[in-house]
Amino acid sequence: MITFSSGISDSTSMVSFGTVILVFHLLSMIFIFMGMRFAAKTMKSVELGREAKFSDYAGEFFLMWFSIIGYWVLQPRLNRLSAE
């Protein structure tokens, strides 16, 4: 049950709630970037036939980051990879 009380404890709970939201937001951003990095590295590694370094897949990473334009460029390449 949620209860509301007046006083100093409300501002303290709001600060801790804001801190929790901030921490979860930062963690989600980190995990999103890790997922994009994994996808870009995997795609480039399959194309090259060896494990790719960041300098090899940096372009794919940024194309995924700016997805509105990037997926138009990446989708035909992914289709070719899946057809092989």
N, C-alpha and C. Protein backbone atom coordinates (compact mmCIF):
# COMPACT_ATOMS: atom_id res chain seq x y z
N MET A 1 0.84 -1.16 0.00
CA MET A 1 0.00 0.00 0.00
C MET A 1 0.89 1.23 0.00
N ILE A 2 0.52 2.21 -0.77
CA ILE A 2 1.28 3.45 -0.86
C ILE A 2 0.63 4.47 0.06
N THR A 3 1.47 5.07 0.90
CA THR A 3 0.97 6.12 1.78
C THR A 3 1.75 7.39 1.51
N PHE A 4 1.10 8.50 1.66
CA PHE A 4 1.73 9.79 1.47
C PHE A 4 1.76 10.52 2.79
N SER A 5 2.92 11.06 3.10
CA SER A 5 3.03 11.85 4.32
C SER A 5 3.74 13.15 3.98
N SER A 6 3.57 14.11 4.80
CA SER A 6 4.23 15.39 4.56
C SER A 6 5.49 15.46 5.40
N GLY A 7 6.42 16.30 4.96
CA GLY A 7 7.63 16.48 5.76
C GLY A 7 8.88 16.24 4.94
N ILE A 8 9.98 16.13 5.65
CA ILE A 8 11.28 16.00 5.03
C ILE A 8 11.45 14.65 4.33
N SER A 9 10.82 13.62 4.81
CA SER A 9 10.99 12.30 4.22
C SER A 9 10.51 12.25 2.78
N ASP A 10 9.56 13.12 2.39
CA ASP A 10 9.09 13.14 1.00
C ASP A 10 10.19 13.61 0.06
N SER A 11 10.90 14.67 0.42
CA SER A 11 11.95 15.16 -0.47
C SER A 11 13.10 14.17 -0.54
N THR A 12 13.37 13.48 0.54
CA THR A 12 14.43 12.48 0.54
C THR A 12 14.05 11.30 -0.35
N SER A 13 12.80 10.87 -0.28
CA SER A 13 12.37 9.75 -1.11
C SER A 13 12.34 10.14 -2.58
N MET A 14 12.03 11.40 -2.88
CA MET A 14 12.02 11.85 -4.27
C MET A 14 13.44 11.91 -4.83
N VAL A 15 14.40 12.30 -4.00
CA VAL A 15 15.79 12.33 -4.45
C VAL A 15 16.26 10.91 -4.72
N SER A 16 15.95 9.98 -3.85
CA SER A 16 16.38 8.60 -4.06
C SER A 16 15.66 7.99 -5.26
N PHE A 17 14.39 8.35 -5.49
CA PHE A 17 13.66 7.85 -6.66
C PHE A 17 14.29 8.41 -7.93
N GLY A 18 14.65 9.68 -7.92
CA GLY A 18 15.32 10.28 -9.07
C GLY A 18 16.67 9.65 -9.33
N THR A 19 17.38 9.32 -8.28
CA THR A 19 18.67 8.66 -8.42
C THR A 19 18.51 7.28 -9.03
N VAL A 20 17.50 6.54 -8.60
CA VAL A 20 17.25 5.21 -9.16
C VAL A 20 16.92 5.32 -10.65
N ILE A 21 16.09 6.27 -11.01
CA ILE A 21 15.73 6.46 -12.42
C ILE A 21 16.97 6.82 -13.23
N LEU A 22 17.81 7.70 -12.71
CA LEU A 22 19.03 8.10 -13.41
C LEU A 22 19.97 6.91 -13.61
N VAL A 23 20.14 6.11 -12.59
CA VAL A 23 21.02 4.94 -12.68
C VAL A 23 20.49 3.96 -13.72
N PHE A 24 19.19 3.68 -13.69
CA PHE A 24 18.60 2.77 -14.68
C PHE A 24 18.71 3.33 -16.09
N HIS A 25 18.55 4.63 -16.24
CA HIS A 25 18.67 5.25 -17.55
C HIS A 25 20.10 5.10 -18.09
N LEU A 26 21.09 5.37 -17.26
CA LEU A 26 22.48 5.25 -17.68
C LEU A 26 22.83 3.80 -18.01
N LEU A 27 22.35 2.87 -17.20
CA LEU A 27 22.60 1.45 -17.48
C LEU A 27 21.96 1.03 -18.80
N SER A 28 20.75 1.50 -19.06
CA SER A 28 20.10 1.13 -20.32
C SER A 28 20.84 1.71 -21.50
N MET A 29 21.38 2.92 -21.38
CA MET A 29 22.17 3.50 -22.47
C MET A 29 23.42 2.66 -22.72
N ILE A 30 24.08 2.24 -21.66
CA ILE A 30 25.28 1.42 -21.79
C ILE A 30 24.95 0.11 -22.50
N PHE A 31 23.84 -0.54 -22.10
CA PHE A 31 23.48 -1.81 -22.69
C PHE A 31 23.04 -1.65 -24.14
N ILE A 32 22.41 -0.55 -24.49
CA ILE A 32 22.04 -0.30 -25.89
C ILE A 32 23.30 -0.16 -26.74
N PHE A 33 24.29 0.60 -26.26
CA PHE A 33 25.53 0.75 -27.01
C PHE A 33 26.29 -0.57 -27.10
N MET A 34 26.25 -1.38 -26.05
CA MET A 34 26.90 -2.69 -26.12
C MET A 34 26.23 -3.58 -27.15
N GLY A 35 24.91 -3.52 -27.24
CA GLY A 35 24.19 -4.30 -28.23
C GLY A 35 24.50 -3.87 -29.65
N MET A 36 24.57 -2.55 -29.87
CA MET A 36 24.92 -2.06 -31.20
C MET A 36 26.35 -2.44 -31.55
N ARG A 37 27.25 -2.38 -30.59
CA ARG A 37 28.64 -2.75 -30.82
C ARG A 37 28.73 -4.23 -31.18
N PHE A 38 28.00 -5.07 -30.46
CA PHE A 38 28.01 -6.50 -30.74
C PHE A 38 27.48 -6.80 -32.14
N ALA A 39 26.38 -6.16 -32.51
CA ALA A 39 25.80 -6.39 -33.83
C ALA A 39 26.73 -5.92 -34.95
N ALA A 40 27.33 -4.75 -34.78
CA ALA A 40 28.23 -4.23 -35.79
C ALA A 40 29.48 -5.10 -35.91
N LYS A 41 30.03 -5.52 -34.79
CA LYS A 41 31.23 -6.35 -34.81
C LYS A 41 30.95 -7.71 -35.43
N THR A 42 29.81 -8.30 -35.10
CA THR A 42 29.45 -9.59 -35.66
C THR A 42 29.27 -9.50 -37.17
N MET A 43 28.57 -8.47 -37.63
CA MET A 43 28.34 -8.30 -39.05
C MET A 43 29.65 -8.14 -39.81
N LYS A 44 30.54 -7.31 -39.30
CA LYS A 44 31.81 -7.06 -39.98
C LYS A 44 32.73 -8.28 -39.89
N SER A 45 32.69 -9.01 -38.79
CA SER A 45 33.50 -10.21 -38.66
C SER A 45 33.09 -11.27 -39.66
N VAL A 46 31.79 -11.40 -39.90
CA VAL A 46 31.31 -12.36 -40.89
C VAL A 46 31.75 -11.94 -42.28
N GLU A 47 31.68 -10.65 -42.57
CA GLU A 47 32.10 -10.16 -43.88
C GLU A 47 33.60 -10.36 -44.11
N LEU A 48 34.40 -10.10 -43.08
CA LEU A 48 35.85 -10.19 -43.23
C LEU A 48 36.39 -11.61 -43.09
N GLY A 49 35.66 -12.45 -42.41
CA GLY A 49 36.13 -13.81 -42.16
C GLY A 49 37.14 -13.90 -41.03
N ARG A 50 37.24 -12.86 -40.23
CA ARG A 50 38.13 -12.85 -39.07
C ARG A 50 37.49 -11.94 -38.03
N GLU A 51 38.04 -11.94 -36.82
CA GLU A 51 37.49 -11.06 -35.79
C GLU A 51 37.85 -9.62 -36.10
N ALA A 52 36.85 -8.78 -36.13
CA ALA A 52 37.03 -7.38 -36.52
C ALA A 52 37.45 -6.55 -35.32
N LYS A 53 38.29 -5.54 -35.59
CA LYS A 53 38.66 -4.54 -34.58
C LYS A 53 37.69 -3.38 -34.71
N PHE A 54 37.70 -2.48 -33.71
CA PHE A 54 36.75 -1.36 -33.75
C PHE A 54 36.95 -0.49 -34.97
N SER A 55 38.19 -0.33 -35.41
CA SER A 55 38.43 0.48 -36.60
C SER A 55 37.80 -0.16 -37.83
N ASP A 56 37.61 -1.49 -37.82
CA ASP A 56 36.97 -2.18 -38.93
C ASP A 56 35.45 -1.94 -38.96
N TYR A 57 34.83 -1.91 -37.77
CA TYR A 57 33.37 -1.84 -37.73
C TYR A 57 32.82 -0.52 -37.17
N ALA A 58 33.65 0.49 -37.08
CA ALA A 58 33.18 1.78 -36.56
C ALA A 58 32.08 2.37 -37.44
N GLY A 59 32.22 2.23 -38.75
CA GLY A 59 31.19 2.75 -39.65
C GLY A 59 29.85 2.07 -39.44
N GLU A 60 29.85 0.76 -39.29
CA GLU A 60 28.61 0.03 -39.04
C GLU A 60 28.00 0.43 -37.70
N PHE A 61 28.86 0.62 -36.71
CA PHE A 61 28.36 1.03 -35.39
C PHE A 61 27.62 2.35 -35.48
N PHE A 62 28.22 3.34 -36.15
CA PHE A 62 27.57 4.64 -36.24
C PHE A 62 26.34 4.61 -37.16
N LEU A 63 26.35 3.74 -38.16
CA LEU A 63 25.16 3.59 -38.99
C LEU A 63 24.01 3.00 -38.16
N MET A 64 24.31 2.10 -37.26
CA MET A 64 23.26 1.56 -36.38
C MET A 64 22.81 2.61 -35.37
N TRP A 65 23.75 3.43 -34.92
CA TRP A 65 23.40 4.47 -33.96
C TRP A 65 22.44 5.48 -34.59
N PHE A 66 22.71 5.90 -35.82
CA PHE A 66 21.83 6.80 -36.55
C PHE A 66 20.96 5.96 -37.47
N SER A 67 20.06 5.22 -36.86
CA SER A 67 19.36 4.14 -37.54
C SER A 67 18.43 4.59 -38.66
N ILE A 68 17.93 5.80 -38.64
CA ILE A 68 16.98 6.22 -39.67
C ILE A 68 17.63 6.10 -41.05
N ILE A 69 18.87 6.50 -41.18
CA ILE A 69 19.58 6.39 -42.45
C ILE A 69 20.40 5.11 -42.50
N GLY A 70 20.95 4.72 -41.39
CA GLY A 70 21.88 3.60 -41.35
C GLY A 70 21.30 2.28 -41.77
N TYR A 71 20.06 2.00 -41.40
CA TYR A 71 19.48 0.71 -41.76
C TYR A 71 19.21 0.60 -43.25
N TRP A 72 19.01 1.71 -43.94
CA TRP A 72 18.87 1.67 -45.39
C TRP A 72 20.17 1.21 -46.03
N VAL A 73 21.29 1.57 -45.44
CA VAL A 73 22.59 1.17 -45.97
C VAL A 73 22.92 -0.26 -45.55
N LEU A 74 22.59 -0.62 -44.32
CA LEU A 74 22.99 -1.92 -43.78
C LEU A 74 22.09 -3.07 -44.24
N GLN A 75 20.82 -2.82 -44.48
CA GLN A 75 19.88 -3.90 -44.81
C GLN A 75 20.26 -4.68 -46.06
N PRO A 76 20.65 -4.04 -47.16
CA PRO A 76 21.06 -4.84 -48.32
C PRO A 76 22.29 -5.71 -48.04
N ARG A 77 23.22 -5.21 -47.24
CA ARG A 77 24.39 -6.00 -46.88
C ARG A 77 24.00 -7.20 -46.02
N LEU A 78 23.06 -7.00 -45.11
CA LEU A 78 22.59 -8.11 -44.27
C LEU A 78 21.85 -9.14 -45.12
N ASN A 79 21.09 -8.67 -46.11
CA ASN A 79 20.39 -9.61 -47.00
C ASN A 79 21.39 -10.45 -47.79
N ARG A 80 22.47 -9.85 -48.26
CA ARG A 80 23.50 -10.61 -48.99
C ARG A 80 24.17 -11.64 -48.07
N LEU A 81 24.43 -11.25 -46.82
CA LEU A 81 25.06 -12.18 -45.89
C LEU A 81 24.15 -13.36 -45.57
N SER A 82 22.86 -13.11 -45.45
CA SER A 82 21.94 -14.20 -45.12
C SER A 82 21.70 -15.12 -46.32
N ALA A 83 21.91 -14.60 -47.55
CA ALA A 83 21.74 -15.43 -48.74
C ALA A 83 22.92 -16.34 -48.99
N GLU A 84 24.07 -16.00 -48.42
CA GLU A 84 25.27 -16.83 -48.64
C GLU A 84 25.23 -18.10 -47.87
